[in-house]
Amino acid sequence: MARTLTKHERLVQIGQTALRDPDGKPYKAVPMYIIVDESAADTVAELSHSEEEPCDDISGLLAAKFKQYMDGMNALERRPI
């Protein structure tokens, strides 16, 4: 969707995403934006107090799962064929 921003609108980056090609190889990550009123632009990107703790919790869980995945991949690489 293409449109021109009005005088009082701004784009605020809210994340990144990377699609995958049919072979599973990731494409280059691209930013994701939302359009916000200029007066609210500074507060949109910040986490509220109630959002901080769940984000910290999920970050720890995802890091632990990724470590488990990497440990499994490393074990497969060391396994004799």
N, C-alpha and C. Protein backbone atom coordinates (compact mmCIF):
# COMPACT_ATOMS: atom_id res chain seq x y z
N MET A 1 0.85 -1.17 0.00
CA MET A 1 0.00 0.00 0.00
C MET A 1 0.89 1.23 0.00
N ALA A 2 0.66 2.10 -0.89
CA ALA A 2 1.43 3.34 -0.96
C ALA A 2 0.50 4.52 -0.74
N ARG A 3 0.94 5.42 0.10
CA ARG A 3 0.19 6.66 0.29
C ARG A 3 1.13 7.72 0.82
N THR A 4 0.76 8.95 0.66
CA THR A 4 1.56 10.07 1.12
C THR A 4 1.16 10.42 2.55
N LEU A 5 2.17 10.63 3.40
CA LEU A 5 1.88 11.02 4.78
C LEU A 5 1.37 12.45 4.81
N THR A 6 0.44 12.71 5.72
CA THR A 6 -0.02 14.08 5.90
C THR A 6 1.04 14.86 6.68
N LYS A 7 0.81 16.14 6.81
CA LYS A 7 1.78 17.03 7.47
C LYS A 7 2.08 16.60 8.90
N HIS A 8 1.11 16.01 9.59
CA HIS A 8 1.28 15.69 11.01
C HIS A 8 1.45 14.19 11.28
N GLU A 9 1.81 13.43 10.27
CA GLU A 9 2.03 12.00 10.45
C GLU A 9 3.51 11.66 10.31
N ARG A 10 3.89 10.61 11.04
CA ARG A 10 5.26 10.10 10.94
C ARG A 10 5.23 8.58 10.88
N LEU A 11 6.30 8.01 10.33
CA LEU A 11 6.48 6.56 10.36
C LEU A 11 7.34 6.22 11.57
N VAL A 12 6.94 5.19 12.31
CA VAL A 12 7.70 4.72 13.46
C VAL A 12 7.99 3.24 13.24
N GLN A 13 9.27 2.88 13.31
CA GLN A 13 9.64 1.47 13.13
C GLN A 13 9.24 0.68 14.36
N ILE A 14 8.53 -0.42 14.13
CA ILE A 14 8.05 -1.25 15.25
C ILE A 14 8.68 -2.64 15.25
N GLY A 15 9.52 -2.93 14.28
CA GLY A 15 10.17 -4.23 14.25
C GLY A 15 10.82 -4.49 12.91
N GLN A 16 11.22 -5.74 12.73
CA GLN A 16 11.81 -6.19 11.47
C GLN A 16 11.25 -7.56 11.14
N THR A 17 11.26 -7.88 9.88
CA THR A 17 10.84 -9.21 9.46
C THR A 17 11.70 -9.66 8.30
N ALA A 18 11.88 -10.95 8.21
CA ALA A 18 12.64 -11.52 7.09
C ALA A 18 11.86 -12.69 6.54
N LEU A 19 11.49 -12.59 5.27
CA LEU A 19 10.79 -13.69 4.62
C LEU A 19 11.81 -14.74 4.19
N ARG A 20 11.34 -15.88 3.76
CA ARG A 20 12.23 -16.94 3.29
C ARG A 20 11.90 -17.29 1.85
N ASP A 21 12.94 -17.66 1.10
CA ASP A 21 12.70 -18.09 -0.27
C ASP A 21 12.22 -19.53 -0.25
N PRO A 22 11.80 -20.09 -1.37
CA PRO A 22 11.27 -21.46 -1.38
C PRO A 22 12.24 -22.51 -0.83
N ASP A 23 13.54 -22.25 -0.89
CA ASP A 23 14.52 -23.20 -0.35
C ASP A 23 14.70 -23.07 1.16
N GLY A 24 14.08 -22.08 1.77
CA GLY A 24 14.20 -21.87 3.21
C GLY A 24 15.26 -20.87 3.59
N LYS A 25 16.02 -20.37 2.64
CA LYS A 25 17.05 -19.38 2.92
C LYS A 25 16.39 -18.02 3.19
N PRO A 26 16.77 -17.34 4.28
CA PRO A 26 16.11 -16.07 4.58
C PRO A 26 16.54 -14.96 3.63
N TYR A 27 15.58 -14.14 3.28
CA TYR A 27 15.87 -12.92 2.55
C TYR A 27 16.41 -11.89 3.53
N LYS A 28 16.88 -10.78 3.03
CA LYS A 28 17.35 -9.70 3.88
C LYS A 28 16.20 -9.17 4.73
N ALA A 29 16.48 -8.91 6.01
CA ALA A 29 15.45 -8.38 6.91
C ALA A 29 15.05 -6.97 6.49
N VAL A 30 13.77 -6.70 6.60
CA VAL A 30 13.26 -5.37 6.25
C VAL A 30 12.49 -4.81 7.45
N PRO A 31 12.56 -3.51 7.65
CA PRO A 31 11.85 -2.91 8.78
C PRO A 31 10.35 -2.86 8.55
N MET A 32 9.60 -2.88 9.66
CA MET A 32 8.14 -2.72 9.63
C MET A 32 7.81 -1.40 10.30
N TYR A 33 6.89 -0.66 9.72
CA TYR A 33 6.54 0.67 10.22
C TYR A 33 5.03 0.77 10.43
N ILE A 34 4.66 1.68 11.33
CA ILE A 34 3.26 2.09 11.46
C ILE A 34 3.21 3.60 11.28
N ILE A 35 2.07 4.09 10.88
CA ILE A 35 1.87 5.53 10.72
C ILE A 35 1.22 6.04 12.00
N VAL A 36 1.81 7.05 12.60
CA VAL A 36 1.26 7.62 13.83
C VAL A 36 1.20 9.14 13.70
N ASP A 37 0.36 9.73 14.53
CA ASP A 37 0.30 11.17 14.61
C ASP A 37 1.63 11.68 15.18
N GLU A 38 2.10 12.77 14.68
CA GLU A 38 3.41 13.30 15.07
C GLU A 38 3.51 13.51 16.58
N SER A 39 2.41 13.90 17.23
CA SER A 39 2.44 14.16 18.67
C SER A 39 2.63 12.89 19.48
N ALA A 40 2.27 11.73 18.93
CA ALA A 40 2.39 10.46 19.64
C ALA A 40 3.61 9.65 19.21
N ALA A 41 4.37 10.15 18.27
CA ALA A 41 5.47 9.38 17.68
C ALA A 41 6.52 8.97 18.71
N ASP A 42 6.82 9.81 19.68
CA ASP A 42 7.86 9.48 20.65
C ASP A 42 7.43 8.43 21.66
N THR A 43 6.14 8.31 21.91
CA THR A 43 5.67 7.36 22.91
C THR A 43 5.32 6.00 22.33
N VAL A 44 5.13 5.89 21.03
CA VAL A 44 4.71 4.62 20.42
C VAL A 44 5.80 3.58 20.52
N ALA A 45 7.04 3.96 20.30
CA ALA A 45 8.14 2.99 20.25
C ALA A 45 8.58 2.52 21.64
N GLU A 46 8.17 3.20 22.69
CA GLU A 46 8.58 2.83 24.04
C GLU A 46 7.61 1.80 24.63
N LEU A 47 8.15 0.90 25.46
CA LEU A 47 7.31 -0.08 26.15
C LEU A 47 6.71 0.55 27.40
N SER A 48 5.46 0.21 27.67
CA SER A 48 4.87 0.67 28.93
C SER A 48 5.39 -0.22 30.05
N HIS A 49 5.19 0.19 31.27
CA HIS A 49 5.66 -0.57 32.42
C HIS A 49 5.07 -1.98 32.41
N SER A 50 3.79 -2.11 32.04
CA SER A 50 3.14 -3.41 32.04
C SER A 50 3.64 -4.32 30.90
N GLU A 51 4.30 -3.75 29.89
CA GLU A 51 4.83 -4.55 28.79
C GLU A 51 6.26 -5.01 29.02
N GLU A 52 7.01 -4.34 29.89
CA GLU A 52 8.42 -4.65 30.08
C GLU A 52 8.65 -6.05 30.64
N GLU A 53 7.94 -6.41 31.68
CA GLU A 53 8.15 -7.71 32.33
C GLU A 53 7.84 -8.88 31.39
N PRO A 54 6.68 -8.88 30.70
CA PRO A 54 6.44 -9.99 29.76
C PRO A 54 7.49 -10.07 28.65
N CYS A 55 7.98 -8.93 28.18
CA CYS A 55 9.01 -8.95 27.14
C CYS A 55 10.30 -9.54 27.68
N ASP A 56 10.65 -9.21 28.91
CA ASP A 56 11.84 -9.80 29.52
C ASP A 56 11.66 -11.30 29.70
N ASP A 57 10.46 -11.71 30.14
CA ASP A 57 10.18 -13.13 30.34
C ASP A 57 10.29 -13.92 29.04
N ILE A 58 9.66 -13.41 27.99
CA ILE A 58 9.67 -14.15 26.71
C ILE A 58 11.07 -14.14 26.12
N SER A 59 11.82 -13.09 26.33
CA SER A 59 13.20 -13.04 25.81
C SER A 59 14.04 -14.14 26.44
N GLY A 60 13.88 -14.34 27.73
CA GLY A 60 14.62 -15.40 28.42
C GLY A 60 14.21 -16.78 27.95
N LEU A 61 12.92 -16.98 27.75
CA LEU A 61 12.43 -18.28 27.27
C LEU A 61 12.93 -18.57 25.86
N LEU A 62 12.87 -17.57 24.99
CA LEU A 62 13.33 -17.77 23.63
C LEU A 62 14.83 -18.02 23.57
N ALA A 63 15.59 -17.32 24.40
CA ALA A 63 17.04 -17.53 24.43
C ALA A 63 17.35 -18.95 24.89
N ALA A 64 16.64 -19.45 25.89
CA ALA A 64 16.86 -20.81 26.38
C ALA A 64 16.50 -21.84 25.31
N LYS A 65 15.40 -21.63 24.59
CA LYS A 65 15.01 -22.55 23.52
C LYS A 65 16.03 -22.53 22.39
N PHE A 66 16.53 -21.36 22.05
CA PHE A 66 17.52 -21.27 20.98
C PHE A 66 18.80 -21.99 21.39
N LYS A 67 19.21 -21.86 22.66
CA LYS A 67 20.39 -22.57 23.15
C LYS A 67 20.17 -24.08 23.06
N GLN A 68 18.98 -24.53 23.43
CA GLN A 68 18.66 -25.95 23.34
C GLN A 68 18.75 -26.42 21.88
N TYR A 69 18.23 -25.63 20.97
CA TYR A 69 18.30 -25.96 19.54
C TYR A 69 19.75 -26.03 19.07
N MET A 70 20.55 -25.03 19.42
CA MET A 70 21.95 -25.00 18.99
C MET A 70 22.74 -26.15 19.58
N ASP A 71 22.50 -26.50 20.84
CA ASP A 71 23.16 -27.64 21.46
C ASP A 71 22.83 -28.92 20.71
N GLY A 72 21.56 -29.07 20.31
CA GLY A 72 21.15 -30.25 19.55
C GLY A 72 21.81 -30.29 18.17
N MET A 73 21.90 -29.14 17.51
CA MET A 73 22.54 -29.08 16.20
C MET A 73 24.03 -29.40 16.32
N ASN A 74 24.67 -28.87 17.35
CA ASN A 74 26.10 -29.15 17.56
C ASN A 74 26.33 -30.64 17.84
N ALA A 75 25.43 -31.26 18.59
CA ALA A 75 25.55 -32.69 18.88
C ALA A 75 25.41 -33.51 17.60
N LEU A 76 24.53 -33.10 16.70
CA LEU A 76 24.35 -33.80 15.42
C LEU A 76 25.61 -33.69 14.56
N GLU A 77 26.23 -32.55 14.59
CA GLU A 77 27.45 -32.34 13.79
C GLU A 77 28.61 -33.20 14.30
N ARG A 78 28.65 -33.45 15.60
CA ARG A 78 29.74 -34.24 16.17
C ARG A 78 29.49 -35.74 16.06
N ARG A 79 28.28 -36.13 15.74
CA ARG A 79 27.93 -37.55 15.66
C ARG A 79 28.59 -38.19 14.44
N PRO A 80 29.23 -39.34 14.64
CA PRO A 80 29.85 -40.02 13.49
C PRO A 80 28.79 -40.56 12.54
N ILE A 81 29.11 -40.57 11.29
CA ILE A 81 28.16 -41.05 10.27
C ILE A 81 28.40 -42.52 9.99
